[in-house]
Amino acid sequence: MKPNERDQRAATTEDELLATLRRVFSGDHPGVRLGIGDDAAVVDTREGQAVLTADILVEGVHYDRTLISPRDLGAKAIVVNVSDVAAMGASPRFALLSVALPPDADAAWVVELEGGVRAACDEYALTMVGGDLSSGPVAVVSVAVMGEVAPGRYVTRSGARPGDRVVVTGTLGASAGGLALARASGSAARRALLSAAGRSLMEAHVRPVARVGEGRTLAVSGATAMMDVSDGLAIDLGRICAASGVGARLRTADVPVAPELIEVREILGVDPLELALGGGEDYELLATLPAARVAEAAAALDERFGCRLTEIGEIMDGDGLTAVEADGRDRPLEAKGWDHLARR
């Protein structure tokens, strides 16, 4: 490979490569309702419609084996896939697990990993039905999940309309804050990790929660578009806008920043809002709703799940993202977040 070709490959982003794959696999295929490009695919079955998704966790790319126990890693591998199903307004049903083991992964490590997988499957009423085992230079955990949804009731990224309100569940930035705190050096960082705030941030990073019931509730409440916040609020909102052919205005003062970040901001040396906008791995649900349905949806989530729903912006004509600061000034909002391919 020539040097300039190598540089071009390194510059390819995840979204650019996905656009290429959509073109390669485009066309009409019997039974396919929704193909490549969303949180999950949707296909017809004899009983209704199924959603299909797969995700992979690669050591050194998605996680640091020194910072996460094998049990938590197994659980997280399930949750990140279940979260994609939840973002479609669907329910998880069956899963496949494939694992590549490095030479230093002993039997105890594997048993703990599988224990975390089983616990998460039980939590989300998910049945593990098969998979594969192999060896590799690093630990790789790959999961595929099939879920189900009532015919025509799934929610995609592409339905946002001008005038819709942008909403998000829970709080943001905790996972990125937990990882940053674990990687920070010094006695202050070590003490912070042992504090209630530090433990909460690390819990958010190693043991995220998939919003399955919340996703179904948002779908019933009229969500026009939805996805989970896996790569960062800004970049994921940008993806909804790109898929829907719209723009968005985001009120930064309304973004629900995880309160624990405020307590450790001096140690982290980063603005908590920046972690909320671009940190990723929150697995909260980002959705758009007609303005008249926001209060209803918020009340339903609070009553059923004790889950906060926050309105943070509005969908607009045009394209791109605009940040509205607390003083009312507008500025362009860069769609920053995690890009797997840009970090090669």
C-alpha atoms as a PDB file:
ATOM      1  CA  MET A   1       0.000   0.000   0.000  1.00  0.00           C
ATOM      2  CA  LYS A   2       1.340   3.435  -0.933  1.00  0.00           C
ATOM      3  CA  PRO A   3       1.718   6.022   1.888  1.00  0.00           C
ATOM      4  CA  ASN A   4      -0.984   8.295   0.482  1.00  0.00           C
ATOM      5  CA  GLU A   5      -3.402   5.360   0.265  1.00  0.00           C
ATOM      6  CA  ARG A   6      -2.685   4.516   3.891  1.00  0.00           C
ATOM      7  CA  ASP A   7      -3.437   8.118   4.892  1.00  0.00           C
ATOM      8  CA  GLN A   8      -6.730   8.052   2.977  1.00  0.00           C
ATOM      9  CA  ARG A   9      -7.797   4.879   4.764  1.00  0.00           C
ATOM     10  CA  ALA A  10      -6.964   6.351   8.149  1.00  0.00           C
ATOM     11  CA  ALA A  11      -9.054   9.420   7.362  1.00  0.00           C
ATOM     12  CA  THR A  12     -12.191   7.346   6.648  1.00  0.00           C
ATOM     13  CA  THR A  13     -14.797   7.881   9.348  1.00  0.00           C
ATOM     14  CA  GLU A  14     -17.307   5.373  10.647  1.00  0.00           C
ATOM     15  CA  ASP A  15     -20.220   7.263   9.080  1.00  0.00           C
ATOM     16  CA  GLU A  16     -18.446   7.493   5.715  1.00  0.00           C
ATOM     17  CA  LEU A  17     -17.760   3.767   5.658  1.00  0.00           C
ATOM     18  CA  LEU A  18     -21.351   2.983   6.656  1.00  0.00           C
ATOM     19  CA  ALA A  19     -22.586   5.128   3.763  1.00  0.00           C
ATOM     20  CA  THR A  20     -20.397   3.067   1.408  1.00  0.00           C
ATOM     21  CA  LEU A  21     -21.718  -0.190   2.853  1.00  0.00           C
ATOM     22  CA  ARG A  22     -25.305   0.995   2.394  1.00  0.00           C
ATOM     23  CA  ARG A  23     -24.589   1.556  -1.289  1.00  0.00           C
ATOM     24  CA  VAL A  24     -22.928  -1.852  -1.656  1.00  0.00           C
ATOM     25  CA  PHE A  25     -25.834  -3.692  -0.042  1.00  0.00           C
ATOM     26  CA  SER A  26     -28.647  -1.465  -1.323  1.00  0.00           C
ATOM     27  CA  GLY A  27     -31.603  -2.794  -3.281  1.00  0.00           C
ATOM     28  CA  ASP A  28     -34.954  -4.419  -2.669  1.00  0.00           C
ATOM     29  CA  HIS A  29     -34.719  -7.602  -0.626  1.00  0.00           C
ATOM     30  CA  PRO A  30     -37.834  -9.601   0.302  1.00  0.00           C
ATOM     31  CA  GLY A  31     -38.728  -9.316   3.961  1.00  0.00           C
ATOM     32  CA  VAL A  32     -36.334  -6.443   4.768  1.00  0.00           C
ATOM     33  CA  ARG A  33     -38.152  -3.428   6.195  1.00  0.00           C
ATOM     34  CA  LEU A  34     -35.048  -1.550   7.360  1.00  0.00           C
ATOM     35  CA  GLY A  35     -31.471  -2.385   6.471  1.00  0.00           C
ATOM     36  CA  ILE A  36     -28.008  -0.994   7.187  1.00  0.00           C
ATOM     37  CA  GLY A  37     -27.636   2.387   8.904  1.00  0.00           C
ATOM     38  CA  ASP A  38     -29.862   2.410  11.999  1.00  0.00           C
ATOM     39  CA  ASP A  39     -29.456   1.028  15.513  1.00  0.00           C
ATOM     40  CA  ALA A  40     -30.899  -2.270  14.277  1.00  0.00           C
ATOM     41  CA  ALA A  41     -32.345  -3.848  11.152  1.00  0.00           C
ATOM     42  CA  VAL A  42     -36.040  -4.749  10.874  1.00  0.00           C
ATOM     43  CA  VAL A  43     -37.211  -7.829   9.000  1.00  0.00           C
ATOM     44  CA  ASP A  44     -40.557  -9.533   8.479  1.00  0.00           C
ATOM     45  CA  THR A  45     -41.321 -12.856  10.164  1.00  0.00           C
ATOM     46  CA  ARG A  46     -44.393 -15.070   9.997  1.00  0.00           C
ATOM     47  CA  GLU A  47     -45.517 -13.738  13.380  1.00  0.00           C
ATOM     48  CA  GLY A  48     -44.740 -10.045  12.831  1.00  0.00           C
ATOM     49  CA  GLN A  49     -41.459  -8.149  12.691  1.00  0.00           C
ATOM     50  CA  ALA A  50     -38.046  -8.800  14.223  1.00  0.00           C
ATOM     51  CA  VAL A  51     -35.174  -6.432  14.928  1.00  0.00           C
ATOM     52  CA  LEU A  52     -31.589  -7.615  14.476  1.00  0.00           C
ATOM     53  CA  THR A  53     -28.426  -6.018  15.809  1.00  0.00           C
ATOM     54  CA  ALA A  54     -24.801  -6.909  16.554  1.00  0.00           C
ATOM     55  CA  ASP A  55     -22.032  -5.186  18.468  1.00  0.00           C
ATOM     56  CA  ILE A  56     -18.428  -5.991  19.214  1.00  0.00           C
ATOM     57  CA  LEU A  57     -16.151  -5.084  22.130  1.00  0.00           C
ATOM     58  CA  VAL A  58     -12.434  -5.217  21.296  1.00  0.00           C
ATOM     59  CA  GLU A  59      -9.788  -4.991  23.988  1.00  0.00           C
ATOM     60  CA  GLY A  60      -7.733  -1.837  23.578  1.00  0.00           C
ATOM     61  CA  VAL A  61     -10.425  -0.187  21.441  1.00  0.00           C
ATOM     62  CA  HIS A  62     -13.660  -0.417  23.419  1.00  0.00           C
ATOM     63  CA  TYR A  63     -12.377  -1.349  26.859  1.00  0.00           C
ATOM     64  CA  ASP A  64      -9.279  -1.713  29.000  1.00  0.00           C
ATOM     65  CA  ARG A  65      -9.085  -5.159  30.610  1.00  0.00           C
ATOM     66  CA  THR A  66      -7.262  -3.662  33.610  1.00  0.00           C
ATOM     67  CA  LEU A  67     -10.223  -1.365  34.347  1.00  0.00           C
ATOM     68  CA  ILE A  68     -13.183  -3.739  33.970  1.00  0.00           C
ATOM     69  CA  SER A  69     -13.833  -7.131  35.529  1.00  0.00           C
ATOM     70  CA  PRO A  70     -14.692 -10.032  33.200  1.00  0.00           C
ATOM     71  CA  ARG A  71     -18.137 -10.242  34.800  1.00  0.00           C
ATOM     72  CA  ASP A  72     -18.840  -6.574  34.077  1.00  0.00           C
ATOM     73  CA  LEU A  73     -17.454  -6.968  30.549  1.00  0.00           C
ATOM     74  CA  GLY A  74     -19.824  -9.846  29.850  1.00  0.00           C
ATOM     75  CA  ALA A  75     -22.793  -7.902  31.144  1.00  0.00           C
ATOM     76  CA  LYS A  76     -21.809  -4.797  29.183  1.00  0.00           C
ATOM     77  CA  ALA A  77     -21.510  -6.789  25.949  1.00  0.00           C
ATOM     78  CA  ILE A  78     -25.156  -7.778  26.346  1.00  0.00           C
ATOM     79  CA  VAL A  79     -26.390  -4.351  27.420  1.00  0.00           C
ATOM     80  CA  VAL A  80     -24.910  -2.438  24.475  1.00  0.00           C
ATOM     81  CA  ASN A  81     -26.828  -4.707  22.091  1.00  0.00           C
ATOM     82  CA  VAL A  82     -30.044  -4.640  24.095  1.00  0.00           C
ATOM     83  CA  SER A  83     -29.787  -0.846  24.054  1.00  0.00           C
ATOM     84  CA  ASP A  84     -29.870  -0.869  20.236  1.00  0.00           C
ATOM     85  CA  VAL A  85     -33.039  -2.965  20.358  1.00  0.00           C
ATOM     86  CA  ALA A  86     -34.530  -0.564  22.902  1.00  0.00           C
ATOM     87  CA  ALA A  87     -33.763   2.373  20.608  1.00  0.00           C
ATOM     88  CA  MET A  88     -36.066   0.830  18.001  1.00  0.00           C
ATOM     89  CA  GLY A  89     -38.913   0.608  20.522  1.00  0.00           C
ATOM     90  CA  ALA A  90     -38.570  -3.184  20.549  1.00  0.00           C
ATOM     91  CA  SER A  91     -38.071  -5.969  23.116  1.00  0.00           C
ATOM     92  CA  PRO A  92     -35.029  -8.313  23.171  1.00  0.00           C
ATOM     93  CA  ARG A  93     -35.625 -12.065  22.727  1.00  0.00           C
ATOM     94  CA  PHE A  94     -32.609 -14.127  21.614  1.00  0.00           C
ATOM     95  CA  ALA A  95     -28.836 -13.681  21.483  1.00  0.00           C
ATOM     96  CA  LEU A  96     -25.649 -15.195  20.072  1.00  0.00           C
ATOM     97  CA  LEU A  97     -22.273 -14.766  21.780  1.00  0.00           C
ATOM     98  CA  SER A  98     -18.860 -15.071  20.126  1.00  0.00           C
ATOM     99  CA  VAL A  99     -15.636 -14.705  22.090  1.00  0.00           C
ATOM    100  CA  ALA A 100     -11.981 -14.599  21.007  1.00  0.00           C
ATOM    101  CA  LEU A 101      -9.644 -15.366  23.891  1.00  0.00           C
ATOM    102  CA  PRO A 102      -6.039 -14.126  24.205  1.00  0.00           C
ATOM    103  CA  PRO A 103      -3.347 -16.484  25.539  1.00  0.00           C
ATOM    104  CA  ASP A 104      -3.456 -15.009  29.065  1.00  0.00           C
ATOM    105  CA  ALA A 105      -7.224 -15.447  29.550  1.00  0.00           C
ATOM    106  CA  ASP A 106      -7.529 -18.423  31.895  1.00  0.00           C
ATOM    107  CA  ALA A 107     -10.587 -20.553  32.634  1.00  0.00           C
ATOM    108  CA  ALA A 108     -11.561 -18.449  35.666  1.00  0.00           C
ATOM    109  CA  TRP A 109     -11.629 -15.295  33.513  1.00  0.00           C
ATOM    110  CA  VAL A 110     -13.888 -17.014  30.973  1.00  0.00           C
ATOM    111  CA  VAL A 111     -16.255 -18.341  33.655  1.00  0.00           C
ATOM    112  CA  GLU A 112     -16.595 -14.858  35.146  1.00  0.00           C
ATOM    113  CA  LEU A 113     -17.249 -13.380  31.689  1.00  0.00           C
ATOM    114  CA  GLU A 114     -19.979 -15.928  31.020  1.00  0.00           C
ATOM    115  CA  GLY A 115     -21.449 -15.251  34.459  1.00  0.00           C
ATOM    116  CA  GLY A 116     -21.838 -11.575  33.576  1.00  0.00           C
ATOM    117  CA  VAL A 117     -23.424 -12.506  30.255  1.00  0.00           C
ATOM    118  CA  ARG A 118     -25.919 -14.807  31.987  1.00  0.00           C
ATOM    119  CA  ALA A 119     -26.838 -12.209  34.623  1.00  0.00           C
ATOM    120  CA  ALA A 120     -27.536  -9.561  31.981  1.00  0.00           C
ATOM    121  CA  CYS A 121     -29.548 -12.015  29.878  1.00  0.00           C
ATOM    122  CA  ASP A 122     -31.686 -12.811  32.906  1.00  0.00           C
ATOM    123  CA  GLU A 123     -32.168  -9.115  33.654  1.00  0.00           C
ATOM    124  CA  TYR A 124     -33.485  -8.363  30.161  1.00  0.00           C
ATOM    125  CA  ALA A 125     -35.424 -11.629  29.602  1.00  0.00           C
ATOM    126  CA  LEU A 126     -32.970 -12.504  26.830  1.00  0.00           C
ATOM    127  CA  THR A 127     -32.229 -16.120  25.880  1.00  0.00           C
ATOM    128  CA  MET A 128     -28.698 -17.056  24.798  1.00  0.00           C
ATOM    129  CA  VAL A 129     -28.985 -19.668  22.043  1.00  0.00           C
ATOM    130  CA  GLY A 130     -25.455 -20.125  20.638  1.00  0.00           C
ATOM    131  CA  GLY A 131     -22.316 -18.490  19.302  1.00  0.00           C
ATOM    132  CA  ASP A 132     -18.653 -19.256  18.711  1.00  0.00           C
ATOM    133  CA  LEU A 133     -15.299 -19.497  20.496  1.00  0.00           C
ATOM    134  CA  SER A 134     -11.891 -18.704  19.055  1.00  0.00           C
ATOM    135  CA  SER A 135      -8.444 -17.424  20.005  1.00  0.00           C
ATOM    136  CA  GLY A 136      -6.941 -14.057  19.203  1.00  0.00           C
ATOM    137  CA  PRO A 137      -4.229 -11.577  20.152  1.00  0.00           C
ATOM    138  CA  VAL A 138      -6.659  -9.649  22.398  1.00  0.00           C
ATOM    139  CA  ALA A 139      -9.981 -10.408  24.065  1.00  0.00           C
ATOM    140  CA  VAL A 140     -12.930  -9.806  21.751  1.00  0.00           C
ATOM    141  CA  VAL A 141     -16.571 -10.191  22.791  1.00  0.00           C
ATOM    142  CA  SER A 142     -19.200 -10.032  20.053  1.00  0.00           C
ATOM    143  CA  VAL A 143     -22.945 -10.319  20.596  1.00  0.00           C
ATOM    144  CA  ALA A 144     -25.860 -10.456  18.173  1.00  0.00           C
ATOM    145  CA  VAL A 145     -29.399  -9.940  19.429  1.00  0.00           C
ATOM    146  CA  MET A 146     -32.815 -10.549  17.892  1.00  0.00           C
ATOM    147  CA  GLY A 147     -35.784  -8.681  19.300  1.00  0.00           C
ATOM    148  CA  GLU A 148     -39.415  -8.275  18.363  1.00  0.00           C
ATOM    149  CA  VAL A 149     -41.722  -5.359  17.742  1.00  0.00           C
ATOM    150  CA  ALA A 150     -45.362  -5.007  16.745  1.00  0.00           C
ATOM    151  CA  PRO A 151     -45.703  -4.600  12.955  1.00  0.00           C
ATOM    152  CA  GLY A 152     -45.022  -1.009  11.942  1.00  0.00           C
ATOM    153  CA  ARG A 153     -44.348   0.153  15.513  1.00  0.00           C
ATOM    154  CA  TYR A 154     -40.562   0.405  15.328  1.00  0.00           C
ATOM    155  CA  VAL A 155     -38.889   3.827  15.508  1.00  0.00           C
ATOM    156  CA  THR A 156     -35.971   4.760  13.229  1.00  0.00           C
ATOM    157  CA  ARG A 157     -33.466   7.612  13.126  1.00  0.00           C
ATOM    158  CA  SER A 158     -35.033   9.126  10.025  1.00  0.00           C
ATOM    159  CA  GLY A 159     -38.433  10.392  11.160  1.00  0.00           C
ATOM    160  CA  ALA A 160     -37.590  13.688  12.882  1.00  0.00           C
ATOM    161  CA  ARG A 161     -39.599  16.651  11.562  1.00  0.00           C
ATOM    162  CA  PRO A 162     -39.182  20.429  11.926  1.00  0.00           C
ATOM    163  CA  GLY A 163     -40.945  21.526  15.105  1.00  0.00           C
ATOM    164  CA  ASP A 164     -40.318  18.251  16.934  1.00  0.00           C
ATOM    165  CA  ARG A 165     -38.693  18.564  20.323  1.00  0.00           C
ATOM    166  CA  VAL A 166     -35.392  16.842  21.112  1.00  0.00           C
ATOM    167  CA  VAL A 167     -35.508  14.831  24.350  1.00  0.00           C
ATOM    168  CA  VAL A 168     -33.139  12.531  26.212  1.00  0.00           C
ATOM    169  CA  THR A 169     -33.575  10.100  29.098  1.00  0.00           C
ATOM    170  CA  GLY A 170     -31.524  10.158  32.290  1.00  0.00           C
ATOM    171  CA  THR A 171     -28.270  12.073  32.586  1.00  0.00           C
ATOM    172  CA  LEU A 172     -25.195  12.206  30.367  1.00  0.00           C
ATOM    173  CA  GLY A 173     -21.424  12.106  30.709  1.00  0.00           C
ATOM    174  CA  ALA A 174     -21.121   9.721  33.664  1.00  0.00           C
ATOM    175  CA  SER A 175     -19.556   6.848  31.720  1.00  0.00           C
ATOM    176  CA  ALA A 176     -16.912   9.054  30.109  1.00  0.00           C
ATOM    177  CA  GLY A 177     -16.279  10.645  33.495  1.00  0.00           C
ATOM    178  CA  GLY A 178     -15.789   7.268  35.129  1.00  0.00           C
ATOM    179  CA  LEU A 179     -13.281   6.195  32.494  1.00  0.00           C
ATOM    180  CA  ALA A 180     -11.390   9.498  32.727  1.00  0.00           C
ATOM    181  CA  LEU A 181     -11.268   9.253  36.514  1.00  0.00           C
ATOM    182  CA  ALA A 182      -9.971   5.675  36.388  1.00  0.00           C
ATOM    183  CA  ARG A 183      -7.209   6.772  34.014  1.00  0.00           C
ATOM    184  CA  ALA A 184      -6.268   9.878  36.013  1.00  0.00           C
ATOM    185  CA  SER A 185      -3.065   9.771  38.037  1.00  0.00           C
ATOM    186  CA  GLY A 186      -2.331  11.063  41.527  1.00  0.00           C
ATOM    187  CA  SER A 187      -3.615  10.555  45.036  1.00  0.00           C
ATOM    188  CA  ALA A 188      -6.551  12.944  44.545  1.00  0.00           C
ATOM    189  CA  ALA A 189      -7.837  10.835  41.674  1.00  0.00           C
ATOM    190  CA  ARG A 190      -7.470   7.642  43.705  1.00  0.00           C
ATOM    191  CA  ARG A 191      -9.403   9.182  46.586  1.00  0.00           C
ATOM    192  CA  ALA A 192     -12.085  10.424  44.201  1.00  0.00           C
ATOM    193  CA  LEU A 193     -12.527   6.904  42.804  1.00  0.00           C
ATOM    194  CA  LEU A 194     -13.375   5.697  46.301  1.00  0.00           C
ATOM    195  CA  SER A 195     -15.916   8.463  46.920  1.00  0.00           C
ATOM    196  CA  ALA A 196     -19.634   7.993  46.334  1.00  0.00           C
ATOM    197  CA  ALA A 197     -19.429  10.154  43.209  1.00  0.00           C
ATOM    198  CA  GLY A 198     -16.436   8.229  41.870  1.00  0.00           C
ATOM    199  CA  ARG A 199     -18.057   4.849  42.455  1.00  0.00           C
ATOM    200  CA  SER A 200     -21.223   6.040  40.717  1.00  0.00           C
ATOM    201  CA  LEU A 201     -19.250   7.237  37.684  1.00  0.00           C
ATOM    202  CA  MET A 202     -17.349   3.953  37.391  1.00  0.00           C
ATOM    203  CA  GLU A 203     -20.589   2.003  37.753  1.00  0.00           C
ATOM    204  CA  ALA A 204     -22.018   3.979  34.831  1.00  0.00           C
ATOM    205  CA  HIS A 205     -18.978   3.053  32.738  1.00  0.00           C
ATOM    206  CA  VAL A 206     -18.697  -0.654  33.505  1.00  0.00           C
ATOM    207  CA  ARG A 207     -22.372  -1.463  34.125  1.00  0.00           C
ATOM    208  CA  PRO A 208     -24.587   0.653  31.834  1.00  0.00           C
ATOM    209  CA  VAL A 209     -28.353   0.153  31.741  1.00  0.00           C
ATOM    210  CA  ALA A 210     -30.438  -0.417  28.618  1.00  0.00           C
ATOM    211  CA  ARG A 211     -33.699   1.568  28.547  1.00  0.00           C
ATOM    212  CA  VAL A 212     -35.960  -1.163  27.133  1.00  0.00           C
ATOM    213  CA  GLY A 213     -39.255  -0.226  28.778  1.00  0.00           C
ATOM    214  CA  GLU A 214     -38.492   3.442  28.274  1.00  0.00           C
ATOM    215  CA  GLY A 215     -37.940   2.859  24.554  1.00  0.00           C
ATOM    216  CA  ARG A 216     -41.290   1.134  24.169  1.00  0.00           C
ATOM    217  CA  THR A 217     -42.975   3.940  26.114  1.00  0.00           C
ATOM    218  CA  LEU A 218     -41.412   6.637  23.933  1.00  0.00           C
ATOM    219  CA  ALA A 219     -42.522   4.755  20.822  1.00  0.00           C
ATOM    220  CA  VAL A 220     -46.107   4.567  22.081  1.00  0.00           C
ATOM    221  CA  SER A 221     -45.909   8.242  23.076  1.00  0.00           C
ATOM    222  CA  GLY A 222     -45.265   9.224  19.460  1.00  0.00           C
ATOM    223  CA  ALA A 223     -41.466   9.364  19.114  1.00  0.00           C
ATOM    224  CA  THR A 224     -40.712  10.299  15.507  1.00  0.00           C
ATOM    225  CA  ALA A 225     -37.015   9.332  15.678  1.00  0.00           C
ATOM    226  CA  MET A 226     -34.866   7.615  18.279  1.00  0.00           C
ATOM    227  CA  MET A 227     -31.419   6.133  18.911  1.00  0.00           C
ATOM    228  CA  ASP A 228     -29.272   5.344  21.906  1.00  0.00           C
ATOM    229  CA  VAL A 229     -26.480   7.674  22.985  1.00  0.00           C
ATOM    230  CA  SER A 230     -23.526   5.352  22.465  1.00  0.00           C
ATOM    231  CA  ASP A 231     -21.020   7.649  20.722  1.00  0.00           C
ATOM    232  CA  GLY A 232     -21.930  11.005  22.300  1.00  0.00           C
ATOM    233  CA  LEU A 233     -24.959  13.300  22.356  1.00  0.00           C
ATOM    234  CA  ALA A 234     -23.684  15.716  19.698  1.00  0.00           C
ATOM    235  CA  ILE A 235     -22.576  13.136  17.141  1.00  0.00           C
ATOM    236  CA  ASP A 236     -25.679  10.992  17.674  1.00  0.00           C
ATOM    237  CA  LEU A 237     -28.029  13.962  17.346  1.00  0.00           C
ATOM    238  CA  GLY A 238     -26.150  14.824  14.163  1.00  0.00           C
ATOM    239  CA  ARG A 239     -26.876  11.303  12.892  1.00  0.00           C
ATOM    240  CA  ILE A 240     -30.597  11.684  13.554  1.00  0.00           C
ATOM    241  CA  CYS A 241     -30.570  14.996  11.719  1.00  0.00           C
ATOM    242  CA  ALA A 242     -28.612  13.596   8.769  1.00  0.00           C
ATOM    243  CA  ALA A 243     -30.930  10.592   8.467  1.00  0.00           C
ATOM    244  CA  SER A 244     -34.019  12.816   8.713  1.00  0.00           C
ATOM    245  CA  GLY A 245     -32.774  15.628   6.453  1.00  0.00           C
ATOM    246  CA  VAL A 246     -33.184  18.286   9.141  1.00  0.00           C
ATOM    247  CA  GLY A 247     -31.158  20.429  11.521  1.00  0.00           C
ATOM    248  CA  ALA A 248     -31.411  20.974  15.269  1.00  0.00           C
ATOM    249  CA  ARG A 249     -30.960  23.653  17.917  1.00  0.00           C
ATOM    250  CA  LEU A 250     -29.603  22.341  21.202  1.00  0.00           C
ATOM    251  CA  ARG A 251     -29.932  24.346  24.429  1.00  0.00           C
ATOM    252  CA  THR A 252     -26.690  23.569  26.240  1.00  0.00           C
ATOM    253  CA  ALA A 253     -27.995  24.792  29.606  1.00  0.00           C
ATOM    254  CA  ASP A 254     -30.730  22.139  29.462  1.00  0.00           C
ATOM    255  CA  VAL A 255     -28.454  19.173  28.736  1.00  0.00           C
ATOM    256  CA  PRO A 256     -28.803  16.865  31.791  1.00  0.00           C
ATOM    257  CA  VAL A 257     -25.195  16.564  32.929  1.00  0.00           C
ATOM    258  CA  ALA A 258     -24.532  13.784  35.462  1.00  0.00           C
ATOM    259  CA  PRO A 259     -24.289  15.636  38.821  1.00  0.00           C
ATOM    260  CA  GLU A 260     -21.353  13.467  39.994  1.00  0.00           C
ATOM    261  CA  LEU A 261     -19.204  15.109  37.311  1.00  0.00           C
ATOM    262  CA  ILE A 262     -19.534  18.445  39.092  1.00  0.00           C
ATOM    263  CA  GLU A 263     -17.941  16.955  42.206  1.00  0.00           C
ATOM    264  CA  VAL A 264     -14.842  15.689  40.378  1.00  0.00           C
ATOM    265  CA  ARG A 265     -14.469  18.316  37.661  1.00  0.00           C
ATOM    266  CA  GLU A 266     -11.291  19.794  39.156  1.00  0.00           C
ATOM    267  CA  ILE A 267      -9.596  16.403  39.197  1.00  0.00           C
ATOM    268  CA  LEU A 268     -10.696  15.564  35.667  1.00  0.00           C
ATOM    269  CA  GLY A 269      -9.728  18.993  34.349  1.00  0.00           C
ATOM    270  CA  VAL A 270     -12.547  18.963  31.812  1.00  0.00           C
ATOM    271  CA  ASP A 271     -15.881  20.745  31.515  1.00  0.00           C
ATOM    272  CA  PRO A 272     -18.662  18.310  32.520  1.00  0.00           C
ATOM    273  CA  LEU A 273     -20.782  19.643  29.652  1.00  0.00           C
ATOM    274  CA  GLU A 274     -18.108  18.544  27.170  1.00  0.00           C
ATOM    275  CA  LEU A 275     -18.265  15.017  28.575  1.00  0.00           C
ATOM    276  CA  ALA A 276     -22.058  15.073  28.301  1.00  0.00           C
ATOM    277  CA  LEU A 277     -21.916  16.281  24.684  1.00  0.00           C
ATOM    278  CA  GLY A 278     -19.119  14.074  23.405  1.00  0.00           C
ATOM    279  CA  GLY A 279     -18.151  11.440  25.958  1.00  0.00           C
ATOM    280  CA  GLY A 280     -20.364   8.592  24.750  1.00  0.00           C
ATOM    281  CA  GLU A 281     -21.302   5.201  26.203  1.00  0.00           C
ATOM    282  CA  ASP A 282     -24.228   6.624  28.164  1.00  0.00           C
ATOM    283  CA  TYR A 283     -26.782   4.327  26.481  1.00  0.00           C
ATOM    284  CA  GLU A 284     -29.551   6.770  27.278  1.00  0.00           C
ATOM    285  CA  LEU A 285     -32.248   7.245  24.631  1.00  0.00           C
ATOM    286  CA  LEU A 286     -32.193  10.306  22.389  1.00  0.00           C
ATOM    287  CA  ALA A 287     -35.518  10.935  20.691  1.00  0.00           C
ATOM    288  CA  THR A 288     -37.657  13.493  18.908  1.00  0.00           C
ATOM    289  CA  LEU A 289     -41.298  14.022  19.823  1.00  0.00           C
ATOM    290  CA  PRO A 290     -44.095  16.296  18.674  1.00  0.00           C
ATOM    291  CA  ALA A 291     -44.191  19.257  21.053  1.00  0.00           C
ATOM    292  CA  ALA A 292     -47.657  18.311  22.308  1.00  0.00           C
ATOM    293  CA  ARG A 293     -46.494  14.822  23.366  1.00  0.00           C
ATOM    294  CA  VAL A 294     -43.435  15.693  25.466  1.00  0.00           C
ATOM    295  CA  ALA A 295     -45.242  16.230  28.776  1.00  0.00           C
ATOM    296  CA  GLU A 296     -47.200  13.002  28.344  1.00  0.00           C
ATOM    297  CA  ALA A 297     -44.070  11.012  27.594  1.00  0.00           C
ATOM    298  CA  ALA A 298     -42.177  12.544  30.523  1.00  0.00           C
ATOM    299  CA  ALA A 299     -44.994  11.728  32.936  1.00  0.00           C
ATOM    300  CA  ALA A 300     -45.200   8.135  31.676  1.00  0.00           C
ATOM    301  CA  LEU A 301     -41.453   7.540  32.069  1.00  0.00           C
ATOM    302  CA  ASP A 302     -41.431   9.025  35.547  1.00  0.00           C
ATOM    303  CA  GLU A 303     -44.452   7.029  36.697  1.00  0.00           C
ATOM    304  CA  ARG A 304     -43.417   3.667  35.223  1.00  0.00           C
ATOM    305  CA  PHE A 305     -39.636   3.709  35.583  1.00  0.00           C
ATOM    306  CA  GLY A 306     -38.676   6.701  37.732  1.00  0.00           C
ATOM    307  CA  CYS A 307     -36.780   7.893  34.652  1.00  0.00           C
ATOM    308  CA  ARG A 308     -36.227  11.557  33.895  1.00  0.00           C
ATOM    309  CA  LEU A 309     -36.986  12.832  30.386  1.00  0.00           C
ATOM    310  CA  THR A 310     -35.460  16.206  29.509  1.00  0.00           C
ATOM    311  CA  GLU A 311     -36.335  18.447  26.575  1.00  0.00           C
ATOM    312  CA  ILE A 312     -33.052  19.858  25.273  1.00  0.00           C
ATOM    313  CA  GLY A 313     -33.798  21.363  21.872  1.00  0.00           C
ATOM    314  CA  GLU A 314     -35.861  21.554  18.718  1.00  0.00           C
ATOM    315  CA  ILE A 315     -35.678  20.133  15.213  1.00  0.00           C
ATOM    316  CA  MET A 316     -35.380  22.800  12.526  1.00  0.00           C
ATOM    317  CA  ASP A 317     -35.499  23.131   8.739  1.00  0.00           C
ATOM    318  CA  GLY A 318     -32.102  22.978   7.070  1.00  0.00           C
ATOM    319  CA  ASP A 319     -29.141  20.985   8.287  1.00  0.00           C
ATOM    320  CA  GLY A 320     -26.401  21.029  10.908  1.00  0.00           C
ATOM    321  CA  LEU A 321     -26.423  21.554  14.658  1.00  0.00           C
ATOM    322  CA  THR A 322     -26.651  24.866  16.512  1.00  0.00           C
ATOM    323  CA  ALA A 323     -25.834  25.255  20.189  1.00  0.00           C
ATOM    324  CA  VAL A 324     -27.872  27.854  22.068  1.00  0.00           C
ATOM    325  CA  GLU A 325     -25.818  29.032  25.024  1.00  0.00           C
ATOM    326  CA  ALA A 326     -27.249  30.034  28.398  1.00  0.00           C
ATOM    327  CA  ASP A 327     -27.002  33.726  27.455  1.00  0.00           C
ATOM    328  CA  GLY A 328     -29.053  33.134  24.294  1.00  0.00           C
ATOM    329  CA  ARG A 329     -26.153  33.321  21.840  1.00  0.00           C
ATOM    330  CA  ASP A 330     -25.949  30.803  19.006  1.00  0.00           C
ATOM    331  CA  ARG A 331     -22.837  28.961  17.872  1.00  0.00           C
ATOM    332  CA  PRO A 332     -22.257  26.065  15.497  1.00  0.00           C
ATOM    333  CA  LEU A 333     -22.148  22.770  17.381  1.00  0.00           C
ATOM    334  CA  GLU A 334     -19.576  20.307  16.139  1.00  0.00           C
ATOM    335  CA  ALA A 335     -20.900  16.763  16.022  1.00  0.00           C
ATOM    336  CA  LYS A 336     -18.123  15.438  18.265  1.00  0.00           C
ATOM    337  CA  GLY A 337     -18.063  11.974  19.767  1.00  0.00           C
ATOM    338  CA  TRP A 338     -16.611   8.502  19.444  1.00  0.00           C
ATOM    339  CA  ASP A 339     -15.656   7.363  15.944  1.00  0.00           C
ATOM    340  CA  HIS A 340     -14.160   3.861  15.899  1.00  0.00           C
ATOM    341  CA  LEU A 341     -12.402   4.253  12.548  1.00  0.00           C
ATOM    342  CA  ALA A 342     -11.091   7.780  13.073  1.00  0.00           C
ATOM    343  CA  ARG A 343      -9.043   6.487  16.035  1.00  0.00           C
ATOM    344  CA  ARG A 344      -7.023   3.939  14.058  1.00  0.00           C
END
